Amino acid sequence: MGRITKQLEKQRSGKKVLVLFLLTNIVYAYMLLVTIPATMAFSNGLQLLDMMPAGYDLEYANTLLQTLGNTGRQMYLTKQIPVDMIYPLLFGISYAAVLAYFLKKLPGLNQNYLYLCFLPVIAGIADYFENIGIITMLNAYPTVTETSVHINSLFSIIKSSATSIYFLVLIVVLIVLGFRTLKPKGKNL
């Protein structure tokens, strides 16, 4: 773990963090504006499995996969999932770097807080497992099992929980930095 936190410390230059952040969000915007809508065009308004932060059950998964039809399932498998196999790596690295960058701006910070930078990495790993599960379900349809749906839904929940906690932590760090920036010199917060 110490090696990883040292690597985070090295990779916290503002320019590197900004480039990673922009690249990650370009990929995310492409998914939101292109591949997700293209796939959802076949879903009759149903959310895609990887867009369900509270998870889903077998009935929902089967309904979605049936509603997508063969063309929609192929779109999901060949257009959305390939882009979503790039995004988790970018998200994990860039958002860990963003948090590390701002944490290092807090003087006297306990180094253990750098472990919070693992939240986007956890989200990214869960996203990969979720994507693998979705690929499995798309290829197995119509014989999707309750066990595979349950496991995959769990990865969706882990991904969304780690992401939500990460953004809460980031907001708190930014608020603390804001207060420290605005406070008069010589007074501690």
Protein backbone atom coordinates (compact mmCIF):
# COMPACT_ATOMS: atom_id res chain seq x y z
CA MET A 1 0.00 0.00 0.00
CA GLY A 2 2.85 2.37 0.79
CA ARG A 3 4.20 2.03 -2.74
CA ILE A 4 0.85 2.98 -4.21
CA THR A 5 0.44 6.06 -2.01
CA LYS A 6 3.98 7.15 -2.94
CA GLN A 7 3.06 6.76 -6.62
CA LEU A 8 -0.05 8.90 -6.01
CA GLU A 9 2.15 11.57 -4.43
CA LYS A 10 4.42 11.60 -7.50
CA GLN A 11 1.54 11.85 -9.97
CA ARG A 12 -0.12 14.86 -8.43
CA SER A 13 1.16 17.60 -10.72
CA GLY A 14 -1.70 19.89 -11.63
CA LYS A 15 -1.18 19.50 -15.39
CA LYS A 16 -1.10 15.69 -15.27
CA VAL A 17 -4.21 15.60 -13.09
CA LEU A 18 -6.03 18.00 -15.41
CA VAL A 19 -5.13 16.03 -18.55
CA LEU A 20 -6.28 12.75 -16.96
CA PHE A 21 -9.47 14.39 -15.71
CA LEU A 22 -10.28 15.83 -19.15
CA LEU A 23 -9.56 12.55 -20.95
CA THR A 24 -11.74 10.62 -18.50
CA ASN A 25 -14.61 13.02 -18.89
CA ILE A 26 -14.38 13.06 -22.69
CA VAL A 27 -14.85 9.28 -22.64
CA TYR A 28 -17.70 9.66 -20.12
CA ALA A 29 -19.38 12.33 -22.25
CA TYR A 30 -19.08 10.07 -25.30
CA MET A 31 -20.88 7.32 -23.40
CA LEU A 32 -23.58 9.69 -22.10
CA LEU A 33 -24.16 11.39 -25.44
CA VAL A 34 -23.53 8.58 -27.94
CA THR A 35 -23.30 4.95 -26.84
CA ILE A 36 -25.82 4.94 -23.98
CA PRO A 37 -28.55 6.76 -25.98
CA ALA A 38 -27.86 4.51 -29.00
CA THR A 39 -28.36 1.44 -26.82
CA MET A 40 -31.33 2.88 -24.95
CA ALA A 41 -33.05 3.56 -28.27
CA PHE A 42 -33.92 -0.14 -28.12
CA SER A 43 -34.87 -0.25 -24.41
CA ASN A 44 -38.30 1.40 -24.52
CA GLY A 45 -37.25 3.72 -21.68
CA LEU A 46 -35.77 1.02 -19.42
CA GLN A 47 -32.44 1.94 -17.83
CA LEU A 48 -29.39 -0.08 -18.84
CA LEU A 49 -28.07 -2.46 -16.19
CA ASP A 50 -24.93 -0.43 -15.55
CA MET A 51 -27.06 2.67 -14.98
CA MET A 52 -28.93 1.11 -12.02
CA PRO A 53 -27.11 2.34 -8.86
CA ALA A 54 -29.45 0.48 -6.49
CA GLY A 55 -29.13 -2.77 -8.42
CA TYR A 56 -31.80 -4.85 -10.10
CA ASP A 57 -33.40 -8.28 -10.01
CA LEU A 58 -33.82 -11.17 -12.45
CA GLU A 59 -37.21 -9.92 -13.63
CA TYR A 60 -35.82 -6.49 -14.52
CA ALA A 61 -32.74 -7.94 -16.25
CA ASN A 62 -34.86 -10.31 -18.34
CA THR A 63 -37.36 -7.57 -19.20
CA LEU A 64 -34.57 -5.24 -20.33
CA LEU A 65 -32.77 -7.90 -22.35
CA GLN A 66 -36.02 -8.98 -24.01
CA THR A 67 -37.03 -5.38 -24.74
CA LEU A 68 -33.63 -4.59 -26.26
CA GLY A 69 -34.13 -7.36 -28.77
CA ASN A 70 -31.27 -8.91 -30.69
CA THR A 71 -30.22 -5.61 -32.29
CA GLY A 72 -30.23 -3.74 -28.97
CA ARG A 73 -28.32 -6.51 -27.20
CA GLN A 74 -25.72 -6.42 -30.00
CA MET A 75 -25.52 -2.62 -29.67
CA TYR A 76 -24.98 -2.98 -25.90
CA LEU A 77 -22.33 -5.66 -26.44
CA THR A 78 -20.44 -4.08 -29.35
CA LYS A 79 -20.84 -0.31 -28.84
CA GLN A 80 -21.53 0.52 -25.17
CA ILE A 81 -19.50 -2.16 -23.37
CA PRO A 82 -16.22 -1.60 -25.31
CA VAL A 83 -16.19 2.09 -24.34
CA ASP A 84 -17.18 1.13 -20.80
CA MET A 85 -14.14 -1.15 -20.65
CA ILE A 86 -11.90 1.92 -21.10
CA TYR A 87 -13.73 4.23 -18.69
CA PRO A 88 -13.21 2.38 -15.35
CA LEU A 89 -9.43 2.47 -15.70
CA LEU A 90 -9.47 6.17 -16.55
CA PHE A 91 -11.95 6.89 -13.75
CA GLY A 92 -9.93 5.00 -11.14
CA ILE A 93 -6.62 6.63 -12.04
CA SER A 94 -7.79 10.18 -12.73
CA TYR A 95 -10.19 10.57 -9.84
CA ALA A 96 -7.65 9.07 -7.42
CA ALA A 97 -5.17 11.65 -8.75
CA VAL A 98 -7.73 14.47 -8.36
CA LEU A 99 -8.33 13.60 -4.71
CA ALA A 100 -4.60 13.14 -4.03
CA TYR A 101 -3.92 16.53 -5.61
CA PHE A 102 -6.38 18.32 -3.33
CA LEU A 103 -5.50 16.31 -0.21
CA LYS A 104 -1.84 17.30 -0.59
CA LYS A 105 -2.89 20.95 -0.51
CA LEU A 106 -4.11 20.48 3.08
CA PRO A 107 -1.14 21.25 5.36
CA GLY A 108 -0.54 18.87 8.23
CA LEU A 109 -2.78 16.21 6.74
CA ASN A 110 -2.52 12.72 8.19
CA GLN A 111 -1.06 10.55 5.41
CA ASN A 112 -3.70 7.88 6.09
CA TYR A 113 -6.25 10.10 4.36
CA LEU A 114 -4.52 9.23 1.09
CA TYR A 115 -6.18 5.81 1.38
CA LEU A 116 -9.42 7.59 0.45
CA CYS A 117 -7.90 7.80 -3.04
CA PHE A 118 -8.65 4.09 -3.38
CA LEU A 119 -12.40 4.76 -3.54
CA PRO A 120 -12.42 5.46 -7.31
CA VAL A 121 -10.11 2.47 -7.83
CA ILE A 122 -12.62 0.26 -6.00
CA ALA A 123 -15.41 1.74 -8.13
CA GLY A 124 -13.41 1.05 -11.29
CA ILE A 125 -12.72 -2.57 -10.32
CA ALA A 126 -16.40 -3.10 -9.49
CA ASP A 127 -17.28 -1.54 -12.86
CA TYR A 128 -15.05 -4.07 -14.64
CA PHE A 129 -16.72 -6.97 -12.83
CA GLU A 130 -20.11 -5.43 -13.63
CA ASN A 131 -19.17 -5.16 -17.33
CA ILE A 132 -17.99 -8.77 -17.41
CA GLY A 133 -21.28 -9.81 -15.83
CA ILE A 134 -23.28 -7.82 -18.38
CA ILE A 135 -21.30 -9.40 -21.23
CA THR A 136 -22.05 -12.82 -19.73
CA MET A 137 -25.78 -12.05 -19.44
CA LEU A 138 -25.97 -10.61 -22.97
CA ASN A 139 -24.31 -13.74 -24.35
CA ALA A 140 -26.38 -16.11 -22.18
CA TYR A 141 -29.76 -14.54 -22.93
CA PRO A 142 -32.43 -15.97 -22.73
CA THR A 143 -30.97 -18.30 -20.10
CA VAL A 144 -29.85 -15.66 -17.60
CA THR A 145 -29.62 -17.07 -14.08
CA GLU A 146 -30.76 -15.47 -10.86
CA THR A 147 -27.29 -16.03 -9.37
CA SER A 148 -25.54 -14.16 -12.19
CA VAL A 149 -28.01 -11.27 -11.92
CA HIS A 150 -27.63 -11.13 -8.13
CA ILE A 151 -23.81 -11.09 -8.30
CA ASN A 152 -23.79 -8.51 -11.08
CA SER A 153 -26.29 -6.32 -9.27
CA LEU A 154 -24.01 -6.43 -6.22
CA PHE A 155 -21.12 -5.09 -8.33
CA SER A 156 -23.40 -2.30 -9.58
CA ILE A 157 -24.18 -1.36 -5.98
CA ILE A 158 -20.50 -1.49 -4.95
CA LYS A 159 -19.57 0.70 -7.93
CA SER A 160 -22.23 3.30 -7.20
CA SER A 161 -21.59 3.27 -3.43
CA ALA A 162 -17.82 3.74 -3.81
CA THR A 163 -18.43 6.50 -6.37
CA SER A 164 -20.95 8.29 -4.14
CA ILE A 165 -18.68 8.10 -1.09
CA TYR A 166 -15.78 9.36 -3.21
CA PHE A 167 -17.69 12.44 -4.36
CA LEU A 168 -18.83 13.18 -0.80
CA VAL A 169 -15.20 13.00 0.37
CA LEU A 170 -14.08 15.21 -2.52
CA ILE A 171 -16.76 17.80 -1.71
CA VAL A 172 -15.71 17.86 1.96
CA VAL A 173 -12.04 18.26 0.99
CA LEU A 174 -12.91 21.11 -1.41
CA ILE A 175 -15.00 22.84 1.28
CA VAL A 176 -12.16 22.55 3.81
CA LEU A 177 -9.71 23.92 1.21
CA GLY A 178 -12.12 26.75 0.45
CA PHE A 179 -12.37 27.72 4.11
CA ARG A 180 -8.61 27.56 4.54
CA THR A 181 -8.12 29.73 1.48
CA LEU A 182 -10.65 32.32 2.61
CA LYS A 183 -9.64 32.52 6.29
CA PRO A 184 -7.42 35.38 7.43
CA LYS A 185 -3.71 34.54 7.63
CA GLY A 186 -2.49 33.32 11.00
CA LYS A 187 -5.78 31.79 12.14
CA ASN A 188 -6.19 28.03 12.20
CA LEU A 189 -9.37 26.30 11.09
